[in-house]
Protein backbone atom coordinates (compact mmCIF):
# COMPACT_ATOMS: atom_id res chain seq x y z
CA UNK A 1 43.65 4.45 -17.14
CA UNK A 2 44.10 1.60 -19.65
CA UNK A 3 40.97 -0.51 -20.23
CA UNK A 4 41.24 -4.21 -21.05
CA UNK A 5 41.11 -4.86 -24.81
CA UNK A 6 37.82 -6.87 -24.32
CA UNK A 7 36.15 -3.63 -23.24
CA UNK A 8 37.44 -1.73 -26.29
CA UNK A 9 36.21 -4.48 -28.63
CA UNK A 10 32.81 -4.65 -26.99
CA UNK A 11 32.34 -0.87 -27.18
CA UNK A 12 33.46 -0.87 -30.80
CA UNK A 13 31.02 -3.62 -31.76
CA UNK A 14 28.22 -1.83 -29.83
CA UNK A 15 28.81 1.66 -31.23
CA UNK A 16 29.89 0.88 -34.80
CA UNK A 17 27.26 1.57 -37.41
CA UNK A 18 28.79 0.59 -40.75
CA UNK A 19 27.68 -2.76 -42.27
CA UNK A 20 25.69 -3.68 -39.13
CA UNK A 21 22.85 -1.20 -39.03
CA UNK A 22 20.35 -4.03 -38.48
CA UNK A 23 22.22 -5.36 -35.48
CA UNK A 24 22.47 -1.85 -34.05
CA UNK A 25 18.74 -1.38 -34.41
CA UNK A 26 18.10 -4.62 -32.55
CA UNK A 27 20.50 -3.53 -29.78
CA UNK A 28 18.64 -0.21 -29.50
CA UNK A 29 15.30 -1.98 -29.34
CA UNK A 30 16.69 -4.29 -26.65
CA UNK A 31 17.85 -1.33 -24.63
CA UNK A 32 14.47 0.40 -24.95
CA UNK A 33 12.70 -2.86 -24.07
CA UNK A 34 14.69 -3.19 -20.86
CA UNK A 35 14.07 0.48 -20.01
CA UNK A 36 10.33 0.21 -20.57
CA UNK A 37 10.11 -3.00 -18.54
CA UNK A 38 12.09 -1.58 -15.62
CA UNK A 39 10.11 1.66 -15.64
CA UNK A 40 6.73 -0.17 -15.71
CA UNK A 41 7.82 -2.45 -12.88
CA UNK A 42 9.02 0.45 -10.72
CA UNK A 43 5.73 2.32 -11.30
CA UNK A 44 3.68 -0.74 -10.42
CA UNK A 45 5.61 -1.34 -7.18
CA UNK A 46 5.39 2.31 -6.26
CA UNK A 47 1.63 2.34 -6.89
CA UNK A 48 0.93 -0.75 -4.80
CA UNK A 49 3.26 0.33 -1.99
CA UNK A 50 1.70 3.81 -1.94
CA UNK A 51 -1.80 2.34 -1.91
CA UNK A 52 -0.92 -0.01 1.02
CA UNK A 53 0.67 2.78 3.05
CA UNK A 54 -2.13 5.30 2.31
CA UNK A 55 -4.84 2.88 3.32
CA UNK A 56 -2.94 1.77 6.40
CA UNK A 57 -2.32 5.32 7.60
CA UNK A 58 -5.95 6.33 7.09
CA UNK A 59 -7.27 3.16 8.72
CA UNK A 60 -4.99 3.67 11.70
CA UNK A 61 -6.08 7.31 11.95
CA UNK A 62 -9.69 6.23 12.15
CA UNK A 63 -9.35 3.17 14.38
CA UNK A 64 -7.25 2.04 17.27
CA UNK A 65 -4.21 -0.19 17.13
CA UNK A 66 -5.51 -2.81 19.58
CA UNK A 67 -9.05 -3.79 20.66
CA UNK A 68 -9.52 -5.34 24.11
CA UNK A 69 -12.60 -7.27 25.33
CA UNK A 70 -13.26 -8.61 28.76
CA UNK A 71 -15.36 -11.77 29.17
CA UNK A 72 -17.24 -10.50 32.20
CA UNK A 73 -17.85 -7.09 30.65
CA UNK A 74 -16.28 -3.71 31.47
CA UNK A 75 -18.26 -1.98 34.17
CA UNK A 76 -15.70 0.71 35.21
CA UNK A 77 -13.90 1.74 32.09
CA UNK A 78 -11.78 4.37 33.84
CA UNK A 79 -9.98 1.81 36.02
CA UNK A 80 -9.72 -0.68 33.14
CA UNK A 81 -8.26 1.98 30.88
CA UNK A 82 -5.73 2.92 33.57
CA UNK A 83 -4.69 -0.73 33.97
CA UNK A 84 -4.26 -1.13 30.24
CA UNK A 85 -2.20 2.04 30.00
CA UNK A 86 0.24 0.47 32.38
CA UNK A 87 1.14 -2.14 29.81
CA UNK A 88 4.49 -1.25 28.19
CA UNK A 89 4.24 0.63 24.79
CA UNK A 90 0.59 1.54 25.32
CA UNK A 91 0.23 5.33 24.99
CA UNK A 92 -3.57 5.67 24.94
CA UNK A 93 -6.72 3.83 26.04
CA UNK A 94 -10.36 4.73 25.47
CA UNK A 95 -13.76 2.96 25.87
CA UNK A 96 -16.07 2.25 22.95
CA UNK A 97 -19.55 0.91 22.30
CA UNK A 98 -20.39 -0.03 18.70
CA UNK A 99 -23.81 -0.42 17.16
CA UNK A 100 -25.82 -0.22 13.99
CA UNK A 101 -28.62 2.24 13.24
CA UNK A 102 -30.73 3.78 10.52
CA UNK A 103 -30.19 7.54 10.48
CA UNK A 104 -32.85 9.55 8.66
CA UNK A 105 -33.91 13.11 7.91
CA UNK A 106 -36.50 14.67 5.65
CA UNK A 107 -33.94 14.60 2.84
CA UNK A 108 -32.61 11.08 3.00
CA UNK A 109 -31.61 8.07 5.14
CA UNK A 110 -28.68 5.71 5.51
CA UNK A 111 -27.47 2.76 7.56
CA UNK A 112 -24.57 3.75 9.78
CA UNK A 113 -22.23 2.35 12.42
CA UNK A 114 -22.27 4.52 15.49
CA UNK A 115 -19.57 4.52 18.10
CA UNK A 116 -20.07 5.61 21.71
CA UNK A 117 -16.94 7.34 23.00
CA UNK A 118 -15.46 9.37 25.83
CA UNK A 119 -14.46 12.56 23.89
CA UNK A 120 -11.55 13.25 26.23
CA UNK A 121 -10.00 9.76 26.05
CA UNK A 122 -10.82 9.19 22.36
CA UNK A 123 -8.28 11.86 21.24
CA UNK A 124 -5.46 9.69 22.60
CA UNK A 125 -6.49 6.69 20.49
CA UNK A 126 -7.72 7.95 17.10
CA UNK A 127 -7.29 11.07 14.96
CA UNK A 128 -10.95 11.99 15.00
CA UNK A 129 -10.34 15.33 16.77
CA UNK A 130 -7.82 16.40 14.10
CA UNK A 131 -10.21 15.27 11.38
CA UNK A 132 -13.04 17.56 12.45
CA UNK A 133 -14.10 19.89 9.67
CA UNK A 134 -16.76 21.65 11.72
CA UNK A 135 -17.96 21.64 15.32
CA UNK A 136 -16.12 20.10 18.23
CA UNK A 137 -15.86 16.54 19.47
CA UNK A 138 -16.32 17.55 23.12
CA UNK A 139 -19.76 18.87 22.22
CA UNK A 140 -20.94 15.26 22.58
CA UNK A 141 -20.52 15.50 26.37
CA UNK A 142 -23.48 17.78 26.93
CA UNK A 143 -24.82 18.01 30.48
CA UNK A 144 -27.98 20.00 29.86
CA UNK A 145 -31.04 17.78 30.34
CA UNK A 146 -33.23 19.85 27.99
CA UNK A 147 -30.81 19.58 25.06
CA UNK A 148 -30.84 16.96 22.38
CA UNK A 149 -27.88 14.57 22.64
CA UNK A 150 -25.27 15.17 20.00
CA UNK A 151 -23.82 13.17 17.11
CA UNK A 152 -20.71 13.78 14.97
CA UNK A 153 -21.02 12.40 11.44
CA UNK A 154 -18.82 12.19 8.34
CA UNK A 155 -18.92 14.90 5.68
CA UNK A 156 -20.07 12.43 2.99
CA UNK A 157 -22.90 11.19 5.24
CA UNK A 158 -23.91 14.80 5.97
CA UNK A 159 -24.06 15.46 2.21
CA UNK A 160 -26.23 12.36 1.70
CA UNK A 161 -28.63 13.37 4.43
CA UNK A 162 -28.60 17.06 3.48
CA UNK A 163 -27.82 18.29 6.97
CA UNK A 164 -25.54 20.84 8.56
CA UNK A 165 -24.41 21.44 12.12
CA UNK A 166 -27.33 22.12 14.35
CA UNK A 167 -29.87 20.04 12.37
CA UNK A 168 -31.72 17.19 14.02
CA UNK A 169 -31.74 13.57 12.79
CA UNK A 170 -33.42 10.39 13.91
CA UNK A 171 -31.56 7.28 14.96
CA UNK A 172 -33.50 3.96 14.72
CA UNK A 173 -31.75 0.91 16.28
CA UNK A 174 -32.72 -2.76 16.04
CA UNK A 175 -32.54 -3.11 19.83
CA UNK A 176 -36.24 -2.40 20.61
CA UNK A 177 -38.62 -2.06 23.52
CA UNK A 178 -41.21 -4.70 24.31
CA UNK A 179 -44.78 -3.36 23.87
CA UNK A 180 -48.22 -5.02 23.65
CA UNK A 181 -47.78 -4.80 19.88
CA UNK A 182 -44.47 -6.71 20.03
CA UNK A 183 -40.88 -5.44 19.94
CA UNK A 184 -40.77 -1.87 18.76
CA UNK A 185 -37.44 -0.51 17.43
CA UNK A 186 -35.88 2.15 19.61
CA UNK A 187 -35.66 5.63 18.03
CA UNK A 188 -33.94 8.76 19.26
CA UNK A 189 -33.80 12.29 18.00
CA UNK A 190 -30.23 13.69 18.08
CA UNK A 191 -28.57 16.88 16.97
CA UNK A 192 -25.62 17.14 14.57
CA UNK A 193 -22.83 18.90 16.53
CA UNK A 194 -19.97 18.42 14.13
CA UNK A 195 -18.61 16.77 11.02
CA UNK A 196 -15.35 14.94 10.30
CA UNK A 197 -13.34 13.86 7.25
CA UNK A 198 -10.94 10.99 7.86
CA UNK A 199 -10.23 10.50 4.17
CA UNK A 200 -11.74 7.02 4.02
CA UNK A 201 -15.13 6.84 2.26
CA UNK A 202 -16.14 3.84 4.43
CA UNK A 203 -15.92 6.08 7.52
CA UNK A 204 -16.94 9.46 6.07
CA UNK A 205 -20.09 8.05 4.57
CA UNK A 206 -21.32 5.53 7.16
CA UNK A 207 -19.93 6.41 10.59
CA UNK A 208 -21.06 8.49 13.49
CA UNK A 209 -19.81 9.29 17.02
CA UNK A 210 -22.07 9.70 20.05
CA UNK A 211 -21.50 9.91 23.81
CA UNK A 212 -21.22 6.76 25.93
CA UNK A 213 -24.51 7.35 27.79
CA UNK A 214 -26.46 7.71 24.56
CA UNK A 215 -24.77 4.62 23.08
CA UNK A 216 -25.72 2.60 26.17
CA UNK A 217 -29.34 3.58 25.72
CA UNK A 218 -29.35 2.89 21.99
CA UNK A 219 -27.95 -0.64 22.36
CA UNK A 220 -29.66 -1.28 25.71
CA UNK A 221 -26.41 -2.22 27.46
CA UNK A 222 -25.12 -1.33 30.94
CA UNK A 223 -21.44 -2.17 30.39
CA UNK A 224 -18.76 -0.91 28.00
CA UNK A 225 -18.16 -3.19 25.00
CA UNK A 226 -14.43 -2.78 24.61
CA UNK A 227 -11.35 -0.71 25.30
CA UNK A 228 -9.30 0.57 22.38
CA UNK A 229 -5.54 1.06 22.69
CA UNK A 230 -2.90 2.99 20.80
CA UNK A 231 0.76 1.89 20.96
CA UNK A 232 3.93 3.82 20.19
CA UNK A 233 4.80 1.51 17.27
CA UNK A 234 2.17 -0.14 15.08
CA UNK A 235 4.46 -3.07 14.35
CA UNK A 236 4.70 -3.79 18.07
CA UNK A 237 0.87 -4.17 18.30
CA UNK A 238 0.89 -8.01 18.01
CA UNK A 239 3.45 -8.38 20.82
CA UNK A 240 1.48 -5.97 23.07
CA UNK A 241 -1.78 -7.81 22.29
CA UNK A 242 -0.22 -11.09 23.37
CA UNK A 243 1.15 -9.50 26.52
CA UNK A 244 -2.21 -8.14 27.77
CA UNK A 245 -3.74 -11.51 28.80
CA UNK A 246 -0.46 -12.53 30.33
CA UNK A 247 -0.29 -9.39 32.51
CA UNK A 248 -3.98 -8.79 33.29
CA UNK A 249 -5.47 -12.21 33.17
CA UNK A 250 -7.05 -14.70 30.78
CA UNK A 251 -10.39 -12.85 30.92
CA UNK A 252 -8.94 -10.32 28.50
CA UNK A 253 -9.04 -10.90 24.76
CA UNK A 254 -7.08 -8.65 22.43
CA UNK A 255 -7.03 -8.16 18.64
CA UNK A 256 -4.85 -5.90 16.56
CA UNK A 257 -5.71 -3.64 13.63
CA UNK A 258 -3.86 -6.08 11.35
CA UNK A 259 -6.11 -8.98 12.48
CA UNK A 260 -9.25 -7.02 11.59
CA UNK A 261 -7.90 -5.86 8.19
CA UNK A 262 -6.00 -9.06 7.30
CA UNK A 263 -8.15 -9.78 4.25
CA UNK A 264 -7.65 -6.29 2.79
CA UNK A 265 -3.88 -6.22 3.12
CA UNK A 266 -3.48 -9.82 2.02
CA UNK A 267 -5.37 -8.96 -1.14
CA UNK A 268 -3.19 -5.92 -1.73
CA UNK A 269 -0.01 -7.97 -1.22
CA UNK A 270 -1.21 -10.66 -3.58
CA UNK A 271 -2.10 -8.05 -6.16
CA UNK A 272 1.32 -6.43 -5.80
CA UNK A 273 3.05 -9.76 -6.40
CA UNK A 274 0.85 -10.63 -9.39
CA UNK A 275 1.45 -7.25 -11.02
CA UNK A 276 5.21 -7.46 -10.40
CA UNK A 277 5.45 -10.91 -11.93
CA UNK A 278 3.34 -9.94 -14.95
CA UNK A 279 5.23 -6.77 -15.71
CA UNK A 280 8.53 -8.49 -14.95
CA UNK A 281 7.92 -10.64 -18.04
CA UNK A 282 8.54 -7.49 -20.11
CA UNK A 283 12.12 -7.43 -18.85
CA UNK A 284 12.51 -11.10 -19.81
CA UNK A 285 11.18 -10.41 -23.30
CA UNK A 286 13.74 -7.57 -23.61
CA UNK A 287 16.46 -10.07 -22.46
CA UNK A 288 15.44 -12.38 -25.32
CA UNK A 289 16.07 -9.46 -27.65
CA UNK A 290 19.55 -9.22 -26.23
CA UNK A 291 20.09 -12.95 -27.00
CA UNK A 292 18.92 -12.35 -30.62
CA UNK A 293 21.18 -9.34 -31.12
CA UNK A 294 24.22 -11.13 -29.74
CA UNK A 295 23.59 -14.27 -31.80
CA UNK A 296 23.41 -12.11 -34.97
CA UNK A 297 26.51 -10.26 -33.91
CA UNK A 298 28.41 -13.52 -33.42
CA UNK A 299 27.38 -14.66 -36.88
CA UNK A 300 28.42 -11.29 -38.38
CA UNK A 301 31.76 -11.20 -36.55
CA UNK A 302 32.83 -14.85 -37.04
CA UNK A 303 35.90 -13.82 -39.12
CA UNK A 304 36.91 -11.27 -36.48
CA UNK A 305 36.55 -13.86 -33.75
CA UNK A 306 38.68 -16.29 -35.74
CA UNK A 307 41.41 -13.66 -36.24
CA UNK A 308 41.38 -12.81 -32.55
CA UNK A 309 41.79 -16.51 -31.69
CA UNK A 310 44.70 -16.96 -34.10
CA UNK A 311 46.35 -13.93 -32.50
CA UNK A 312 46.21 -15.68 -29.13
CA UNK A 313 42.85 -14.54 -27.61
CA UNK A 314 41.51 -17.15 -25.22
CA UNK A 315 37.98 -18.51 -25.20
CA UNK A 316 37.45 -16.71 -21.92
CA UNK A 317 38.34 -13.36 -23.54
CA UNK A 318 35.95 -13.98 -26.45
CA UNK A 319 33.15 -14.76 -23.95
CA UNK A 320 33.97 -11.60 -22.09
CA UNK A 321 33.65 -9.43 -25.19
CA UNK A 322 30.06 -10.53 -25.89
CA UNK A 323 29.05 -10.72 -22.24
CA UNK A 324 30.27 -7.14 -21.80
CA UNK A 325 28.27 -6.01 -24.79
CA UNK A 326 25.02 -7.61 -23.55
CA UNK A 327 25.68 -6.38 -20.05
CA UNK A 328 26.15 -2.83 -21.40
CA UNK A 329 22.83 -2.98 -23.18
CA UNK A 330 21.09 -4.27 -20.05
CA UNK A 331 22.73 -1.84 -17.70
CA UNK A 332 22.05 1.24 -19.85
CA UNK A 333 18.41 0.17 -20.34
CA UNK A 334 18.00 -0.55 -16.64
CA UNK A 335 19.41 2.81 -15.55
CA UNK A 336 17.30 4.69 -18.04
CA UNK A 337 14.18 2.81 -16.90
CA UNK A 338 14.99 3.29 -13.20
CA UNK A 339 15.50 7.01 -13.66
CA UNK A 340 12.32 7.35 -15.76
CA UNK A 341 10.27 5.30 -13.28
CA UNK A 342 11.53 7.20 -10.25
CA UNK A 343 10.92 10.59 -11.90
CA UNK A 344 7.44 9.69 -13.12
CA UNK A 345 6.45 8.18 -9.80
CA UNK A 346 7.60 11.29 -7.99
CA UNK A 347 5.68 13.62 -10.27
CA UNK A 348 2.50 11.53 -10.14
CA UNK A 349 2.59 11.42 -6.37
CA UNK A 350 3.57 15.05 -5.73
CA UNK A 351 0.91 16.55 -8.02
CA UNK A 352 -1.73 13.81 -7.47
CA UNK A 353 -2.38 13.53 -11.21
CA UNK A 354 -4.35 10.30 -11.13
CA UNK A 355 -7.70 10.76 -9.43
CA UNK A 356 -9.99 7.86 -8.53
CA UNK A 357 -13.57 7.61 -7.16
CA UNK A 358 -13.49 7.48 -3.36
CA UNK A 359 -16.53 5.20 -3.11
CA UNK A 360 -14.62 2.46 -4.95
CA UNK A 361 -10.98 2.80 -3.81
CA UNK A 362 -11.49 4.60 -0.46
CA UNK A 363 -8.98 7.31 -1.46
CA UNK A 364 -9.27 10.33 -3.75
CA UNK A 365 -6.01 9.88 -5.73
CA UNK A 366 -3.51 7.19 -6.54
CA UNK A 367 -0.39 7.56 -4.36
CA UNK A 368 3.04 6.45 -5.56
CA UNK A 369 5.64 5.55 -2.92
CA UNK A 370 8.92 4.03 -4.10
CA UNK A 371 10.89 2.27 -1.41
CA UNK A 372 14.68 2.07 -1.76
CA UNK A 373 14.63 -1.68 -1.34
CA UNK A 374 12.09 -2.09 -4.17
CA UNK A 375 14.22 0.07 -6.42
CA UNK A 376 17.36 -1.94 -5.61
CA UNK A 377 15.66 -5.27 -6.15
CA UNK A 378 14.25 -4.14 -9.54
CA UNK A 379 17.59 -2.76 -10.76
CA UNK A 380 19.61 -5.76 -9.54
CA UNK A 381 17.15 -8.31 -10.93
CA UNK A 382 17.05 -6.63 -14.33
CA UNK A 383 20.83 -6.56 -14.61
CA UNK A 384 21.06 -10.19 -13.54
CA UNK A 385 18.44 -11.24 -16.12
CA UNK A 386 20.30 -9.40 -18.83
CA UNK A 387 23.59 -10.99 -17.80
CA UNK A 388 22.07 -14.48 -17.91
CA UNK A 389 20.81 -13.67 -21.46
CA UNK A 390 24.40 -13.13 -22.59
CA UNK A 391 25.65 -16.57 -21.56
CA UNK A 392 24.46 -18.69 -24.46
CA UNK A 393 25.60 -16.45 -27.38
CA UNK A 394 28.89 -15.76 -25.58
CA UNK A 395 29.58 -19.49 -25.15
CA UNK A 396 28.76 -20.04 -28.85
CA UNK A 397 31.29 -17.32 -29.80
CA UNK A 398 33.94 -18.90 -27.52
CA UNK A 399 33.40 -22.32 -29.13
CA UNK A 400 33.89 -21.00 -32.69
CA UNK A 401 36.50 -22.89 -34.67
CA UNK A 402 38.91 -20.34 -36.26
CA UNK A 403 39.69 -22.57 -39.22
CA UNK A 404 36.02 -23.14 -40.12
CA UNK A 405 35.21 -19.48 -39.57
CA UNK A 406 38.05 -18.30 -41.92
CA UNK A 407 37.23 -20.93 -44.52
CA UNK A 408 33.56 -19.93 -44.79
CA UNK A 409 33.85 -16.34 -43.63
């Protein structure tokens, strides 16, 4: 296969070492600069994408996809859950009562959010049953009148309180009883019947599950607060939430998991864009190095350019020579950076090498997930930037006057 002579000249200028060692060094630095910029950008995108996906999967494992309220209250949750399960794409429905309490033992105390659930229906909405590290979720549904009601708490909360399964704790709620001395907070002794670990510090350290009857007594409420739903596709949740009032009536109000966590994921998206733009400047700096190396090469090769023009080479061919050289530098640097970024992201994610405190970042390690589209955008953008950087020096080479170049060359 015969290559165009422009390619041969571009490769010769790029690979030659005699009398242009300085230019070769600049070309090498430009290649390394592009490689480092591309690798850093790929790692940053993989980190932010991995963080978003990890937080989303853990949040969706701990909570439902859709939350449904009814303005008149939910008296019979079984029939309401059955009606909501008839909505297309809904695969699970379970009642819930939420409240705040102070949980205390002889070793410590903490403020928690407790959730009253139906243990049978809850397994179809959240992953709490699969997250149990000890005990059983169905132990909440005790029928013995002489037994303490049960509570399932997170492993981090159990460590803070210094309790194990079978120990008793006290729940103190702000909903109190009216006495001659005023409103007295309602307290209840309960027994720890299990522990869970959902992988989110927010849940594992400040969350507890109790039965629906106990939750009703703790919050002094006769009706169910809400029905939680799980759908077969998380991205279909907004459409399903809009369909619920249309099918079941205007008394129903629905919110999705995305609505409740909008601030978190908006902040993560903004951080991803800011990091991408900041690190992307590294690629632009490397592109400026390509401009500098090509300008120096044009000055060095002015006599050669003049001879090529006198031999019949067109201005377009001269432009092609220097564009090809700059594009080769950018492409090689981009491919090296892409391979390095992909390999490093894979190693960091597989072996979980970067550990972080769970109480700050909600996860124990930094995940790296590189999406094919992100990789393609980074590689394509880097090559385009490098190509744009070749335009100015290539045009200057094409405009060179052979007579002037030979006279002063």
